[in-house]
Amino acid sequence: MNGLCEEGDVYGAMEYMNVVGFNSNLVALNTMVDGWCKADWIDCALKIFDSMDTRDSFSHSSLIHNLCKDGRFRCASKLVLSCVRSGMSILPSTKRAVFDSLSRSGCQREAKRLKSEIKLALSAFV
């Protein structure tokens, strides 16, 4: 599936997923989200991500990194914050990708605000 997505054959990957019975498998859906992102089909990846019943840290990390690569820093920052607020563990590299992307795009104030909000959200779980 990953190879099909990387080659841009997203529909072929979807068909393969249905044929082999991966309709609700978290690993398969994560692979689809990551593959769609790598094939520059971020909107399709967002749709499948939104439709997923179960998401894990890989689901979020993959999407957040690819949103940053696509220049959707604010969307990535909202997703990081919602993960932290829900108690999900987010990799430091994922948070750093959002902070760096915001800062490089001229949104230093928003990057600082996000860091503060993350610290505040984390303190609620201590």
C-alpha atoms as a PDB file:
ATOM      1  CA  MET A   1       0.000   0.000   0.000  1.00  0.00           C
ATOM      2  CA  ASN A   2       2.746   2.403   0.935  1.00  0.00           C
ATOM      3  CA  GLY A   3       4.496   1.845  -2.393  1.00  0.00           C
ATOM      4  CA  LEU A   4       1.284   2.443  -4.327  1.00  0.00           C
ATOM      5  CA  CYS A   5       0.693   5.698  -2.468  1.00  0.00           C
ATOM      6  CA  GLU A   6       4.273   6.867  -2.965  1.00  0.00           C
ATOM      7  CA  GLU A   7       3.887   6.219  -6.695  1.00  0.00           C
ATOM      8  CA  GLY A   8       0.757   8.378  -6.684  1.00  0.00           C
ATOM      9  CA  ASP A   9      -1.661   5.470  -7.185  1.00  0.00           C
ATOM     10  CA  VAL A  10      -3.861   6.340  -4.213  1.00  0.00           C
ATOM     11  CA  TYR A  11      -6.952   4.774  -5.743  1.00  0.00           C
ATOM     12  CA  GLY A  12      -5.039   1.542  -6.373  1.00  0.00           C
ATOM     13  CA  ALA A  13      -3.949   1.534  -2.731  1.00  0.00           C
ATOM     14  CA  MET A  14      -7.538   2.074  -1.589  1.00  0.00           C
ATOM     15  CA  GLU A  15      -8.718  -0.778  -3.801  1.00  0.00           C
ATOM     16  CA  TYR A  16      -5.955  -3.061  -2.496  1.00  0.00           C
ATOM     17  CA  MET A  17      -6.907  -2.173   1.073  1.00  0.00           C
ATOM     18  CA  ASN A  18     -10.530  -3.168   0.439  1.00  0.00           C
ATOM     19  CA  VAL A  19      -9.568  -6.380  -1.382  1.00  0.00           C
ATOM     20  CA  VAL A  20      -7.389  -7.661   1.459  1.00  0.00           C
ATOM     21  CA  GLY A  21      -9.894  -6.616   4.120  1.00  0.00           C
ATOM     22  CA  PHE A  22      -8.114  -3.767   5.895  1.00  0.00           C
ATOM     23  CA  ASN A  23     -11.231  -1.594   6.141  1.00  0.00           C
ATOM     24  CA  SER A  24     -10.884  -0.796   9.847  1.00  0.00           C
ATOM     25  CA  ASN A  25      -7.278  -1.705  10.625  1.00  0.00           C
ATOM     26  CA  LEU A  26      -5.399   1.094  12.378  1.00  0.00           C
ATOM     27  CA  VAL A  27      -2.050   0.164  10.859  1.00  0.00           C
ATOM     28  CA  ALA A  28      -3.511   0.082   7.361  1.00  0.00           C
ATOM     29  CA  LEU A  29      -5.265   3.427   7.847  1.00  0.00           C
ATOM     30  CA  ASN A  30      -2.072   4.978   9.228  1.00  0.00           C
ATOM     31  CA  THR A  31      -0.246   3.712   6.157  1.00  0.00           C
ATOM     32  CA  MET A  32      -2.896   5.260   3.933  1.00  0.00           C
ATOM     33  CA  VAL A  33      -2.698   8.618   5.729  1.00  0.00           C
ATOM     34  CA  ASP A  34       1.088   8.620   5.506  1.00  0.00           C
ATOM     35  CA  GLY A  35       1.047   7.492   1.873  1.00  0.00           C
ATOM     36  CA  TRP A  36      -1.478  10.113   0.845  1.00  0.00           C
ATOM     37  CA  CYS A  37       0.612  12.771   2.542  1.00  0.00           C
ATOM     38  CA  LYS A  38       3.761  11.604   0.767  1.00  0.00           C
ATOM     39  CA  ALA A  39       1.883  11.643  -2.548  1.00  0.00           C
ATOM     40  CA  ASP A  40       0.855  15.282  -1.823  1.00  0.00           C
ATOM     41  CA  TRP A  41      -2.794  14.358  -1.292  1.00  0.00           C
ATOM     42  CA  ILE A  42      -3.020  16.064   2.098  1.00  0.00           C
ATOM     43  CA  ASP A  43      -6.744  16.762   1.789  1.00  0.00           C
ATOM     44  CA  CYS A  44      -7.447  13.056   1.200  1.00  0.00           C
ATOM     45  CA  ALA A  45      -5.237  12.200   4.161  1.00  0.00           C
ATOM     46  CA  LEU A  46      -7.187  14.642   6.330  1.00  0.00           C
ATOM     47  CA  LYS A  47     -10.495  13.084   5.264  1.00  0.00           C
ATOM     48  CA  ILE A  48      -9.378   9.563   6.128  1.00  0.00           C
ATOM     49  CA  PHE A  49      -7.824  10.832   9.380  1.00  0.00           C
ATOM     50  CA  ASP A  50     -11.099  12.504  10.352  1.00  0.00           C
ATOM     51  CA  SER A  51     -13.034   9.329   9.567  1.00  0.00           C
ATOM     52  CA  MET A  52     -10.796   7.108  11.709  1.00  0.00           C
ATOM     53  CA  ASP A  53     -12.491   5.750  14.839  1.00  0.00           C
ATOM     54  CA  THR A  54      -9.160   5.113  16.563  1.00  0.00           C
ATOM     55  CA  ARG A  55      -6.007   7.184  16.209  1.00  0.00           C
ATOM     56  CA  ASP A  56      -2.622   6.712  17.810  1.00  0.00           C
ATOM     57  CA  SER A  57       0.452   8.892  18.164  1.00  0.00           C
ATOM     58  CA  PHE A  58       1.727   7.698  14.780  1.00  0.00           C
ATOM     59  CA  SER A  59      -1.508   8.853  13.108  1.00  0.00           C
ATOM     60  CA  HIS A  60      -1.065  12.305  14.584  1.00  0.00           C
ATOM     61  CA  SER A  61       2.701  12.582  14.124  1.00  0.00           C
ATOM     62  CA  SER A  62       2.574  11.566  10.486  1.00  0.00           C
ATOM     63  CA  LEU A  63      -0.178  14.033   9.677  1.00  0.00           C
ATOM     64  CA  ILE A  64       1.389  16.879  11.673  1.00  0.00           C
ATOM     65  CA  HIS A  65       4.794  16.514   9.985  1.00  0.00           C
ATOM     66  CA  ASN A  66       3.196  16.437   6.562  1.00  0.00           C
ATOM     67  CA  LEU A  67       0.959  19.433   7.320  1.00  0.00           C
ATOM     68  CA  CYS A  68       4.128  21.357   8.186  1.00  0.00           C
ATOM     69  CA  LYS A  69       5.791  20.245   4.943  1.00  0.00           C
ATOM     70  CA  ASP A  70       2.724  21.470   3.067  1.00  0.00           C
ATOM     71  CA  GLY A  71       2.842  24.866   4.789  1.00  0.00           C
ATOM     72  CA  ARG A  72      -0.281  24.330   6.913  1.00  0.00           C
ATOM     73  CA  PHE A  73       1.393  25.366  10.143  1.00  0.00           C
ATOM     74  CA  ARG A  74      -1.689  26.637  11.933  1.00  0.00           C
ATOM     75  CA  CYS A  75      -3.601  23.433  11.226  1.00  0.00           C
ATOM     76  CA  ALA A  76      -0.626  21.432  12.504  1.00  0.00           C
ATOM     77  CA  SER A  77      -0.410  23.608  15.609  1.00  0.00           C
ATOM     78  CA  LYS A  78      -4.126  23.095  16.388  1.00  0.00           C
ATOM     79  CA  LEU A  79      -3.701  19.341  15.988  1.00  0.00           C
ATOM     80  CA  VAL A  80      -0.668  19.261  18.323  1.00  0.00           C
ATOM     81  CA  LEU A  81      -2.542  21.249  20.931  1.00  0.00           C
ATOM     82  CA  SER A  82      -5.633  19.037  20.744  1.00  0.00           C
ATOM     83  CA  CYS A  83      -3.418  15.946  21.173  1.00  0.00           C
ATOM     84  CA  VAL A  84      -1.700  17.377  24.230  1.00  0.00           C
ATOM     85  CA  ARG A  85      -4.989  18.513  25.747  1.00  0.00           C
ATOM     86  CA  SER A  86      -6.450  15.032  25.302  1.00  0.00           C
ATOM     87  CA  GLY A  87      -3.476  13.485  27.094  1.00  0.00           C
ATOM     88  CA  MET A  88      -1.906  11.879  24.034  1.00  0.00           C
ATOM     89  CA  SER A  89       1.856  11.573  23.985  1.00  0.00           C
ATOM     90  CA  ILE A  90       3.389  13.532  21.114  1.00  0.00           C
ATOM     91  CA  LEU A  91       6.994  13.043  20.064  1.00  0.00           C
ATOM     92  CA  PRO A  92       9.304  15.988  20.831  1.00  0.00           C
ATOM     93  CA  SER A  93      10.374  15.992  17.158  1.00  0.00           C
ATOM     94  CA  THR A  94       6.749  16.501  16.130  1.00  0.00           C
ATOM     95  CA  LYS A  95       6.318  19.479  18.428  1.00  0.00           C
ATOM     96  CA  ARG A  96       9.670  20.866  17.288  1.00  0.00           C
ATOM     97  CA  ALA A  97       8.606  20.569  13.635  1.00  0.00           C
ATOM     98  CA  VAL A  98       5.575  22.753  14.344  1.00  0.00           C
ATOM     99  CA  PHE A  99       7.531  25.294  16.414  1.00  0.00           C
ATOM    100  CA  ASP A 100      10.256  25.543  13.766  1.00  0.00           C
ATOM    101  CA  SER A 101       7.765  25.807  10.912  1.00  0.00           C
ATOM    102  CA  LEU A 102       5.826  28.561  12.644  1.00  0.00           C
ATOM    103  CA  SER A 103       9.005  30.467  13.476  1.00  0.00           C
ATOM    104  CA  ARG A 104      10.442  30.162   9.950  1.00  0.00           C
ATOM    105  CA  SER A 105       7.187  31.381   8.446  1.00  0.00           C
ATOM    106  CA  GLY A 106       7.325  34.560  10.528  1.00  0.00           C
ATOM    107  CA  CYS A 107       4.875  33.464  13.206  1.00  0.00           C
ATOM    108  CA  GLN A 108       7.240  33.599  16.185  1.00  0.00           C
ATOM    109  CA  ARG A 109       4.534  34.964  18.455  1.00  0.00           C
ATOM    110  CA  GLU A 110       2.243  32.069  17.607  1.00  0.00           C
ATOM    111  CA  ALA A 111       5.080  29.575  18.209  1.00  0.00           C
ATOM    112  CA  LYS A 112       5.666  31.063  21.671  1.00  0.00           C
ATOM    113  CA  ARG A 113       1.944  31.013  22.409  1.00  0.00           C
ATOM    114  CA  LEU A 114       1.740  27.357  21.356  1.00  0.00           C
ATOM    115  CA  LYS A 115       4.665  26.444  23.626  1.00  0.00           C
ATOM    116  CA  SER A 116       2.935  28.188  26.531  1.00  0.00           C
ATOM    117  CA  GLU A 117      -0.387  26.477  25.849  1.00  0.00           C
ATOM    118  CA  ILE A 118       1.327  23.080  25.651  1.00  0.00           C
ATOM    119  CA  LYS A 119       3.083  23.677  28.976  1.00  0.00           C
ATOM    120  CA  LEU A 120      -0.218  24.720  30.546  1.00  0.00           C
ATOM    121  CA  ALA A 121      -2.011  21.663  29.148  1.00  0.00           C
ATOM    122  CA  LEU A 122       0.764  19.342  30.344  1.00  0.00           C
ATOM    123  CA  SER A 123       0.660  20.852  33.832  1.00  0.00           C
ATOM    124  CA  ALA A 124      -3.016  19.874  34.060  1.00  0.00           C
ATOM    125  CA  PHE A 125      -2.008  16.193  33.820  1.00  0.00           C
ATOM    126  CA  VAL A 126       0.626  16.322  36.541  1.00  0.00           C
END
